[in-house]
Protein backbone atom coordinates (compact mmCIF):
# COMPACT_ATOMS: atom_id res chain seq x y z
CA MET A 1 -7.69 -97.12 -123.89
CA LYS A 2 -6.34 -96.39 -120.42
CA LYS A 3 -2.87 -97.62 -121.45
CA GLU A 4 -2.83 -95.36 -124.49
CA ASN A 5 -3.87 -92.35 -122.39
CA LYS A 6 -1.01 -92.93 -119.94
CA ARG A 7 1.51 -93.20 -122.75
CA LEU A 8 0.11 -90.10 -124.45
CA GLN A 9 0.27 -88.07 -121.22
CA PHE A 10 3.90 -89.13 -120.69
CA ALA A 11 4.82 -88.18 -124.29
CA GLN A 12 3.04 -84.83 -123.87
CA LYS A 13 5.02 -84.06 -120.70
CA ILE A 14 8.33 -84.56 -122.50
CA GLY A 15 7.17 -82.79 -125.66
CA MET A 16 5.81 -79.71 -123.86
CA THR A 17 8.93 -79.46 -121.67
CA ILE A 18 11.17 -79.51 -124.75
CA LEU A 19 9.00 -76.88 -126.48
CA LEU A 20 9.16 -74.56 -123.47
CA LEU A 21 12.95 -74.92 -123.27
CA LEU A 22 13.24 -74.19 -127.01
CA LEU A 23 11.01 -71.14 -126.49
CA ILE A 24 13.58 -69.86 -123.99
CA ARG A 25 16.34 -70.19 -126.56
CA PHE A 26 14.20 -68.46 -129.21
CA MET A 27 13.35 -65.55 -126.90
CA SER A 28 16.98 -65.21 -125.79
CA HIS A 29 17.67 -63.36 -129.07
CA ILE A 30 15.40 -60.43 -128.13
CA PRO A 31 17.80 -57.52 -127.46
CA VAL A 32 17.63 -55.13 -124.51
CA PRO A 33 16.70 -51.69 -125.94
CA GLY A 34 19.22 -48.88 -125.92
CA VAL A 35 22.32 -51.02 -125.33
CA LYS A 36 25.44 -50.65 -127.51
CA HIS A 37 25.54 -54.43 -127.99
CA SER A 38 28.72 -54.86 -130.03
CA MET A 39 30.61 -52.52 -127.73
CA PHE A 40 29.41 -54.32 -124.59
CA LYS A 41 30.19 -57.77 -126.02
CA LEU A 42 33.75 -56.72 -126.83
CA ALA A 43 34.13 -55.28 -123.33
CA VAL A 44 32.97 -58.52 -121.67
CA ALA A 45 35.20 -60.64 -123.91
CA GLY A 46 38.13 -58.36 -123.12
CA LYS A 47 37.76 -58.75 -119.37
CA GLY A 48 39.37 -62.21 -119.46
CA ASN A 49 37.64 -62.98 -116.18
CA GLY A 50 36.38 -66.42 -115.20
CA TYR A 51 33.27 -65.23 -113.41
CA PHE A 52 32.23 -63.11 -116.41
CA GLN A 53 32.49 -66.30 -118.41
CA LEU A 54 30.52 -68.28 -115.82
CA TYR A 55 27.75 -65.67 -115.72
CA ASP A 56 27.56 -65.74 -119.51
CA ARG A 57 27.35 -69.55 -119.47
CA LEU A 58 24.51 -69.63 -116.95
CA THR A 59 22.56 -67.18 -119.11
CA GLY A 60 23.24 -69.06 -122.35
CA GLY A 61 25.20 -66.14 -123.82
CA SER A 62 22.39 -63.68 -123.07
CA PHE A 63 24.61 -61.65 -120.76
CA SER A 64 27.37 -60.89 -123.28
CA ASN A 65 24.77 -60.28 -126.03
CA MET A 66 22.67 -58.27 -123.49
CA THR A 67 19.34 -59.76 -124.48
CA ILE A 68 16.10 -60.07 -122.52
CA PHE A 69 17.44 -62.96 -120.42
CA GLY A 70 20.70 -61.15 -119.61
CA ALA A 71 20.08 -61.29 -115.85
CA GLY A 72 19.40 -65.03 -116.08
CA ILE A 73 17.52 -67.04 -113.49
CA THR A 74 20.05 -66.11 -110.79
CA PRO A 75 17.49 -64.11 -108.70
CA TYR A 76 15.35 -67.22 -108.15
CA ILE A 77 18.35 -69.42 -107.35
CA THR A 78 19.60 -66.80 -104.89
CA ALA A 79 16.16 -66.56 -103.26
CA SER A 80 15.86 -70.34 -103.04
CA ILE A 81 19.24 -70.66 -101.36
CA VAL A 82 18.40 -67.85 -98.92
CA VAL A 83 15.08 -69.46 -97.94
CA GLN A 84 16.68 -72.88 -97.51
CA LEU A 85 19.44 -71.46 -95.33
CA LEU A 86 16.85 -69.54 -93.28
CA GLY A 87 14.93 -72.79 -92.91
CA TYR A 88 18.13 -74.39 -91.64
CA THR A 89 18.75 -71.66 -89.04
CA SER A 90 15.19 -70.60 -88.12
CA LYS A 91 13.08 -72.96 -86.00
CA ARG A 92 9.85 -71.35 -87.25
CA LEU A 93 10.70 -71.83 -90.92
CA ASN A 94 12.03 -75.32 -90.27
CA GLN A 95 8.77 -76.23 -88.56
CA MET A 96 6.82 -74.69 -91.44
CA TYR A 97 8.77 -76.82 -93.93
CA HIS A 98 7.68 -79.97 -92.10
CA GLU A 99 4.03 -78.93 -91.79
CA GLY A 100 3.24 -80.76 -95.00
CA GLU A 101 1.90 -79.33 -98.24
CA TYR A 102 0.63 -76.11 -96.63
CA GLY A 103 4.05 -75.28 -95.14
CA ARG A 104 5.89 -76.05 -98.37
CA ARG A 105 3.50 -73.87 -100.40
CA HIS A 106 4.07 -71.01 -97.96
CA MET A 107 7.85 -71.33 -98.36
CA GLN A 108 7.50 -71.44 -102.15
CA LYS A 109 5.53 -68.18 -102.02
CA MET A 110 8.28 -66.68 -99.86
CA THR A 111 10.89 -67.82 -102.39
CA LEU A 112 8.94 -66.27 -105.28
CA LEU A 113 8.50 -62.99 -103.40
CA ILE A 114 12.23 -62.75 -102.58
CA SER A 115 13.15 -63.71 -106.16
CA CYS A 116 10.90 -60.92 -107.55
CA ILE A 117 12.53 -58.36 -105.23
CA THR A 118 16.00 -59.66 -106.13
CA SER A 119 15.23 -59.54 -109.86
CA VAL A 120 14.21 -55.86 -109.57
CA ILE A 121 17.42 -55.01 -107.67
CA ILE A 122 19.73 -56.93 -110.03
CA SER A 123 18.02 -55.74 -113.23
CA PHE A 124 18.02 -52.03 -112.40
CA THR A 125 21.51 -52.19 -110.88
CA ALA A 126 22.70 -53.75 -114.15
CA SER A 127 20.91 -51.13 -116.28
CA TYR A 128 22.33 -48.24 -114.24
CA THR A 129 25.80 -49.79 -114.46
CA LEU A 130 25.44 -50.08 -118.24
CA TYR A 131 24.63 -46.37 -118.36
CA ALA A 132 27.47 -45.40 -116.00
CA GLN A 133 29.96 -47.38 -118.09
CA GLY A 134 28.76 -45.79 -121.35
CA TYR A 135 27.01 -48.85 -122.81
CA LEU A 136 23.55 -47.23 -123.04
CA ASN A 137 22.47 -44.72 -125.67
CA GLY A 138 20.89 -42.37 -123.12
CA LYS A 139 19.67 -41.94 -119.55
CA ILE A 140 16.07 -42.77 -120.49
CA TYR A 141 17.15 -46.31 -121.39
CA ILE A 142 18.02 -47.06 -117.74
CA LEU A 143 14.29 -47.59 -117.17
CA PHE A 144 13.70 -49.54 -120.41
CA ALA A 145 16.76 -51.75 -119.98
CA GLY A 146 15.95 -52.47 -116.33
CA LEU A 147 12.33 -53.34 -117.11
CA THR A 148 13.38 -55.61 -119.99
CA LEU A 149 15.89 -57.53 -117.86
CA MET A 150 13.38 -57.81 -115.00
CA ILE A 151 10.62 -59.10 -117.31
CA GLY A 152 13.08 -61.58 -118.84
CA THR A 153 13.97 -62.98 -115.42
CA LEU A 154 10.29 -63.27 -114.44
CA ILE A 155 9.57 -65.10 -117.73
CA LEU A 156 12.35 -67.60 -116.98
CA ILE A 157 11.02 -68.13 -113.44
CA GLY A 158 7.48 -68.50 -114.79
CA ILE A 159 8.49 -71.11 -117.38
CA GLY A 160 10.57 -73.00 -114.81
CA LYS A 161 7.72 -73.07 -112.26
CA TRP A 162 5.20 -74.04 -114.96
CA ILE A 163 7.35 -77.04 -115.88
CA GLU A 164 7.57 -77.97 -112.18
CA LEU A 165 3.81 -77.65 -111.76
CA ARG A 166 2.74 -79.56 -114.86
CA TYR A 167 5.57 -81.74 -116.10
CA PHE A 168 8.82 -82.32 -114.15
CA LYS A 169 9.78 -81.26 -110.63
CA ASN A 170 13.13 -79.69 -111.59
CA GLY A 171 11.91 -76.99 -113.96
CA ILE A 172 14.26 -74.29 -112.67
CA SER A 173 17.22 -76.66 -113.05
CA LEU A 174 16.14 -77.44 -116.62
CA VAL A 175 16.08 -73.72 -117.45
CA LEU A 176 19.64 -73.46 -116.15
CA PHE A 177 20.51 -76.64 -118.09
CA ILE A 178 19.28 -75.39 -121.47
CA ASN A 179 21.22 -72.13 -121.06
CA ILE A 180 24.48 -73.94 -120.30
CA ILE A 181 23.93 -76.41 -123.16
CA ALA A 182 23.53 -73.46 -125.55
CA SER A 183 27.09 -72.34 -124.71
CA MET A 184 28.71 -75.74 -125.12
CA PRO A 185 29.03 -75.94 -128.95
CA ASN A 186 31.50 -73.03 -128.83
CA ASP A 187 33.46 -74.87 -126.13
CA VAL A 188 33.63 -78.01 -128.29
CA LEU A 189 34.92 -75.98 -131.24
CA THR A 190 37.52 -74.34 -128.98
CA ILE A 191 38.72 -77.74 -127.71
CA ILE A 192 38.96 -79.14 -131.25
CA SER A 193 40.99 -76.14 -132.43
CA LEU A 194 43.65 -76.60 -129.72
CA LYS A 195 46.95 -78.42 -130.02
CA LYS A 196 46.62 -82.19 -129.88
CA TRP A 197 48.17 -82.56 -126.43
CA GLU A 198 45.98 -79.78 -125.01
CA THR A 199 42.89 -81.40 -126.51
CA ALA A 200 43.95 -84.76 -125.07
CA ILE A 201 44.37 -83.28 -121.56
CA LEU A 202 40.96 -81.58 -121.63
CA ILE A 203 39.20 -84.70 -122.94
CA ALA A 204 40.89 -86.70 -120.16
CA VAL A 205 39.67 -84.17 -117.56
CA ILE A 206 36.13 -84.38 -118.94
CA LEU A 207 36.12 -88.19 -118.93
CA ILE A 208 37.53 -88.37 -115.39
CA THR A 209 34.92 -85.84 -114.21
CA LEU A 210 32.13 -87.90 -115.82
CA PHE A 211 33.50 -91.08 -114.26
CA VAL A 212 33.67 -89.54 -110.77
CA LEU A 213 30.13 -88.19 -111.10
CA LEU A 214 28.89 -91.62 -112.20
CA ILE A 215 30.56 -93.29 -109.21
CA MET A 216 29.06 -90.68 -106.91
CA GLU A 217 25.61 -91.46 -108.27
CA LEU A 218 26.00 -95.24 -107.91
CA ILE A 219 27.50 -95.43 -104.40
CA ARG A 220 24.96 -95.53 -101.58
CA LYS A 221 24.39 -97.05 -98.16
CA GLU A 222 21.14 -98.91 -97.58
CA ILE A 223 19.91 -98.89 -94.00
CA ILE A 224 17.50 -101.74 -93.28
CA VAL A 225 14.21 -100.71 -91.65
CA ARG A 226 11.54 -103.04 -90.29
CA GLU A 227 7.87 -102.22 -90.04
CA SER A 228 5.37 -104.23 -88.02
CA ALA A 229 1.86 -104.58 -89.40
CA ARG A 230 -0.82 -106.50 -87.49
CA VAL A 231 -3.09 -108.58 -89.74
CA ASP A 232 -5.35 -109.74 -86.92
CA GLN A 233 -5.17 -110.32 -83.17
CA ASN A 234 -3.01 -113.40 -83.55
CA GLU A 235 -0.83 -112.60 -86.56
CA GLU A 236 1.74 -109.85 -87.09
CA VAL A 237 3.61 -109.32 -90.36
CA ILE A 238 7.05 -107.68 -90.44
CA LYS A 239 7.89 -105.81 -93.62
CA HIS A 240 11.36 -104.65 -94.67
CA PHE A 241 12.44 -101.59 -96.62
CA PHE A 242 15.59 -99.51 -97.01
CA ILE A 243 16.58 -95.92 -96.34
CA PRO A 244 19.14 -95.01 -99.05
CA VAL A 245 22.00 -92.71 -98.05
CA ARG A 246 23.38 -91.55 -101.39
CA LEU A 247 26.97 -90.40 -101.77
CA ASN A 248 25.75 -87.63 -104.08
CA MET A 249 23.11 -86.43 -101.62
CA LEU A 250 24.13 -82.80 -102.20
CA ASN A 251 23.68 -83.05 -105.97
CA VAL A 252 25.15 -79.83 -107.46
CA MET A 253 23.67 -77.36 -104.96
CA PRO A 254 27.03 -76.33 -103.37
CA ILE A 255 28.50 -75.59 -106.80
CA ILE A 256 25.41 -73.64 -107.88
CA PHE A 257 25.63 -71.74 -104.59
CA MET A 258 29.23 -70.66 -105.20
CA SER A 259 28.47 -69.96 -108.86
CA THR A 260 25.73 -67.58 -107.70
CA ILE A 261 28.16 -65.89 -105.30
CA LEU A 262 30.64 -65.39 -108.16
CA GLN A 263 27.86 -63.87 -110.28
CA LEU A 264 27.05 -61.39 -107.53
CA VAL A 265 30.75 -60.57 -107.26
CA GLN A 266 30.73 -59.99 -111.01
CA MET A 267 27.97 -57.42 -110.59
CA LEU A 268 30.14 -55.56 -108.07
CA SER A 269 33.07 -55.52 -110.48
CA LEU A 270 30.86 -53.90 -113.13
CA ILE A 271 30.35 -50.85 -110.93
CA GLY A 272 34.05 -50.46 -110.32
CA ILE A 273 34.51 -52.37 -107.04
CA LYS A 274 37.75 -54.33 -107.16
CA THR A 275 37.18 -58.06 -106.79
CA GLN A 276 40.30 -59.39 -108.48
CA ILE A 277 40.88 -62.14 -105.91
CA PHE A 278 37.86 -63.91 -107.43
CA ASN A 279 39.24 -63.72 -110.97
CA THR A 280 39.34 -67.49 -111.59
CA SER A 281 41.48 -67.16 -114.72
CA LYS A 282 44.38 -65.88 -112.53
CA TRP A 283 44.06 -68.20 -109.53
CA PHE A 284 46.66 -70.70 -110.68
CA VAL A 285 48.87 -68.58 -112.94
CA SER A 286 49.48 -65.39 -110.98
CA THR A 287 52.54 -65.08 -108.73
CA LYS A 288 50.62 -62.78 -106.37
CA PRO A 289 49.71 -64.66 -103.17
CA ILE A 290 46.47 -62.67 -102.81
CA TYR A 291 44.78 -64.94 -105.36
CA ILE A 292 45.21 -67.86 -102.96
CA ILE A 293 42.50 -66.19 -100.85
CA GLY A 294 40.06 -66.52 -103.77
CA ILE A 295 40.85 -70.24 -104.12
CA ILE A 296 40.42 -70.83 -100.38
CA VAL A 297 37.11 -68.92 -100.23
CA TYR A 298 35.76 -70.78 -103.28
CA CYS A 299 36.70 -74.24 -101.97
CA ALA A 300 35.62 -73.46 -98.40
CA GLY A 301 32.31 -72.08 -99.69
CA ILE A 302 31.50 -75.30 -101.58
CA PHE A 303 32.54 -77.48 -98.64
CA LEU A 304 30.77 -75.50 -95.88
CA PHE A 305 27.58 -75.04 -97.85
CA GLY A 306 27.63 -78.78 -98.53
CA VAL A 307 27.81 -79.45 -94.79
CA MET A 308 24.85 -77.14 -94.11
CA TYR A 309 22.79 -78.33 -97.07
CA SER A 310 23.20 -81.99 -96.09
CA ASP A 311 20.72 -81.48 -93.24
CA ILE A 312 18.19 -80.24 -95.80
CA ALA A 313 18.86 -83.08 -98.24
CA PHE A 314 18.94 -85.77 -95.52
CA ASN A 315 17.61 -84.76 -92.11
CA PRO A 316 18.19 -87.56 -89.55
CA PHE A 317 15.94 -85.95 -86.92
CA THR A 318 12.95 -85.70 -89.27
CA ILE A 319 13.44 -89.24 -90.57
CA ALA A 320 13.64 -90.57 -86.99
CA ILE A 321 10.34 -88.86 -86.11
CA ASP A 322 8.65 -90.28 -89.23
CA LEU A 323 9.89 -93.80 -88.43
CA LYS A 324 8.55 -93.52 -84.88
CA LYS A 325 5.14 -92.37 -86.14
CA LYS A 326 4.95 -95.35 -88.50
CA ALA A 327 6.09 -97.83 -85.81
CA SER A 328 9.14 -98.61 -87.96
CA TYR A 329 12.60 -99.23 -86.57
CA ILE A 330 16.21 -99.96 -87.50
CA PRO A 331 17.22 -103.38 -86.13
CA GLY A 332 19.38 -102.99 -83.01
CA VAL A 333 18.68 -99.25 -82.66
CA ARG A 334 16.16 -97.74 -80.25
CA LEU A 335 13.49 -95.42 -81.60
CA GLY A 336 13.77 -91.65 -81.16
CA ASN A 337 17.08 -89.97 -80.32
CA ASP A 338 19.20 -93.13 -80.84
CA THR A 339 17.78 -93.55 -84.36
CA SER A 340 18.54 -89.91 -85.12
CA LYS A 341 22.15 -90.33 -83.93
CA PHE A 342 22.57 -93.55 -85.93
CA LEU A 343 21.30 -91.89 -89.15
CA HIS A 344 23.48 -88.82 -88.52
CA SER A 345 26.54 -91.06 -88.15
CA ALA A 346 25.67 -92.92 -91.37
CA LYS A 347 25.20 -89.61 -93.20
CA THR A 348 28.32 -87.80 -91.96
CA GLY A 349 30.92 -89.91 -93.74
CA MET A 350 29.05 -89.82 -97.06
CA MET A 351 28.44 -86.06 -96.77
CA LEU A 352 32.11 -85.24 -96.07
CA LEU A 353 33.29 -87.37 -99.00
CA ASP A 354 30.63 -85.82 -101.26
CA SER A 355 31.69 -82.28 -100.29
CA ILE A 356 35.38 -83.08 -100.91
CA LEU A 357 34.70 -84.67 -104.31
CA LEU A 358 32.46 -81.79 -105.42
CA THR A 359 35.17 -79.31 -104.43
CA LEU A 360 37.82 -81.25 -106.38
CA ILE A 361 35.81 -81.77 -109.56
CA SER A 362 34.97 -78.07 -109.52
CA ILE A 363 38.45 -76.67 -108.82
CA VAL A 364 40.66 -79.09 -110.82
CA PRO A 365 39.28 -78.09 -114.28
CA ILE A 366 39.76 -74.42 -113.31
CA ALA A 367 43.40 -75.14 -112.43
CA ILE A 368 44.16 -77.10 -115.62
CA THR A 369 42.50 -74.65 -118.04
CA SER A 370 44.18 -71.70 -116.29
CA ILE A 371 47.63 -73.30 -116.48
CA LEU A 372 47.07 -74.11 -120.17
CA GLY A 373 46.06 -70.49 -120.78
CA LEU A 374 42.52 -71.39 -121.88
CA SER A 375 40.63 -68.61 -120.09
CA SER A 376 37.55 -69.15 -122.29
CA LEU A 377 37.19 -72.65 -120.82
CA THR A 378 37.98 -71.78 -117.20
CA MET A 379 34.48 -72.59 -115.89
CA PHE A 380 33.80 -75.45 -118.32
CA GLY A 381 34.23 -78.03 -115.54
CA THR A 382 31.71 -76.29 -113.28
CA SER A 383 29.22 -76.10 -116.17
CA LEU A 384 29.74 -79.79 -116.90
CA VAL A 385 29.04 -80.75 -113.29
CA ILE A 386 25.78 -78.76 -113.30
CA VAL A 387 24.68 -80.29 -116.63
CA ILE A 388 25.38 -83.86 -115.50
CA GLY A 389 23.63 -83.24 -112.17
CA VAL A 390 20.48 -81.94 -113.91
CA LEU A 391 20.56 -84.80 -116.45
CA VAL A 392 20.76 -87.42 -113.69
CA GLU A 393 17.98 -85.74 -111.71
CA THR A 394 15.76 -85.61 -114.82
CA ALA A 395 16.59 -89.23 -115.71
CA TYR A 396 15.37 -90.35 -112.26
CA GLN A 397 12.09 -88.51 -112.82
CA ILE A 398 11.61 -89.97 -116.30
CA LYS A 399 12.36 -93.44 -114.94
CA ALA A 400 9.75 -92.88 -112.22
CA GLU A 401 7.23 -91.82 -114.86
CA VAL A 402 8.01 -94.88 -117.02
CA TYR A 403 7.78 -97.08 -113.94
CA GLY A 404 4.38 -95.61 -113.12
CA VAL A 405 3.12 -96.17 -116.67
CA ARG A 406 4.36 -99.75 -116.78
CA GLN A 407 3.08 -100.46 -113.30
CA GLU A 408 -0.34 -99.39 -114.54
CA GLU A 409 0.07 -101.88 -117.39
CA LYS A 410 1.40 -104.61 -115.05
CA GLN A 411 4.79 -104.50 -116.76
CA TRP A 412 7.47 -104.33 -114.08
CA ILE A 413 10.97 -102.99 -114.72
């Protein structure tokens, strides 16, 4: 009976998660009131701008169709990044993060509060911009459109957090995942309709990207740790375990970070502020040297954020403190500061390589699609990286669930 309950609970987790993600796609067809939808969609398609395309991808087409989820889940991602960076720079927040469950809950509340404020700002800025550009039927619809976009964002955040609370710990990532997946069938049709040599090049780029991501997931250092446990006064048992230092310790956070920055830039362009240097579709085809600045900022942003985020993903100082508390040690390395330095040295090489590879697999597809004149696929590589990252993260969680179920049944994987 107990075995059947465990299996049923596991099946319910997957089933409910899928239903909630499908609900998002169903609700994404609810239009924002007062918007001249066909006119706005033509305007967005006519921009020929990579970050417009990226924003539309991350909202599952809701932006170009201007539906309830048109603002996407960007406000929460922005808030999360801000809080994590503040935790990296502020001693008080960093200490709070390591205070256990209480500290983490407090930071989650802070993230939700900032995301709510950000959603209000983005939603009403977008609705006013729609009115200023002539895409609303009247001034009264500024309020209705802004409220609709804000409510849509809060629904997405609510569904994502509900999944994290009840089912899987990457609910926000899964919301982003389902939106990107919804845009991919059109990309596949576009690739198929191309000339054979263009299709072959794009398929090769996709396969190479998948291969690199797979290698990044598989490569890891394992640092041996010993732990002494006294059985009685005369006998002491030494246990061994490993601290894994993954090559892909950053996951896709640096790319999501820069994608969010490009979305914010896109919002500025809507109100008439010139941001052409971040027009990804012109980075590698324009003869104007100014576009080189956009490439440099994009690559530097991914790399530098990766360097900062690595201390959040793998903090040598915190790990060294935990090892000391548990009377565990790395053979040949003294406890405390020496352990921290050793772990930092082991992390640095992997982190630098990870940041470089993430930058390359993000920028190379942009270069190839731009050179081939495929502006509609400019950000396909970035979307693919995010999708694979979320899939791998979810696969680890499902494996952990399966492992837990089978462990309960004394069936070891």
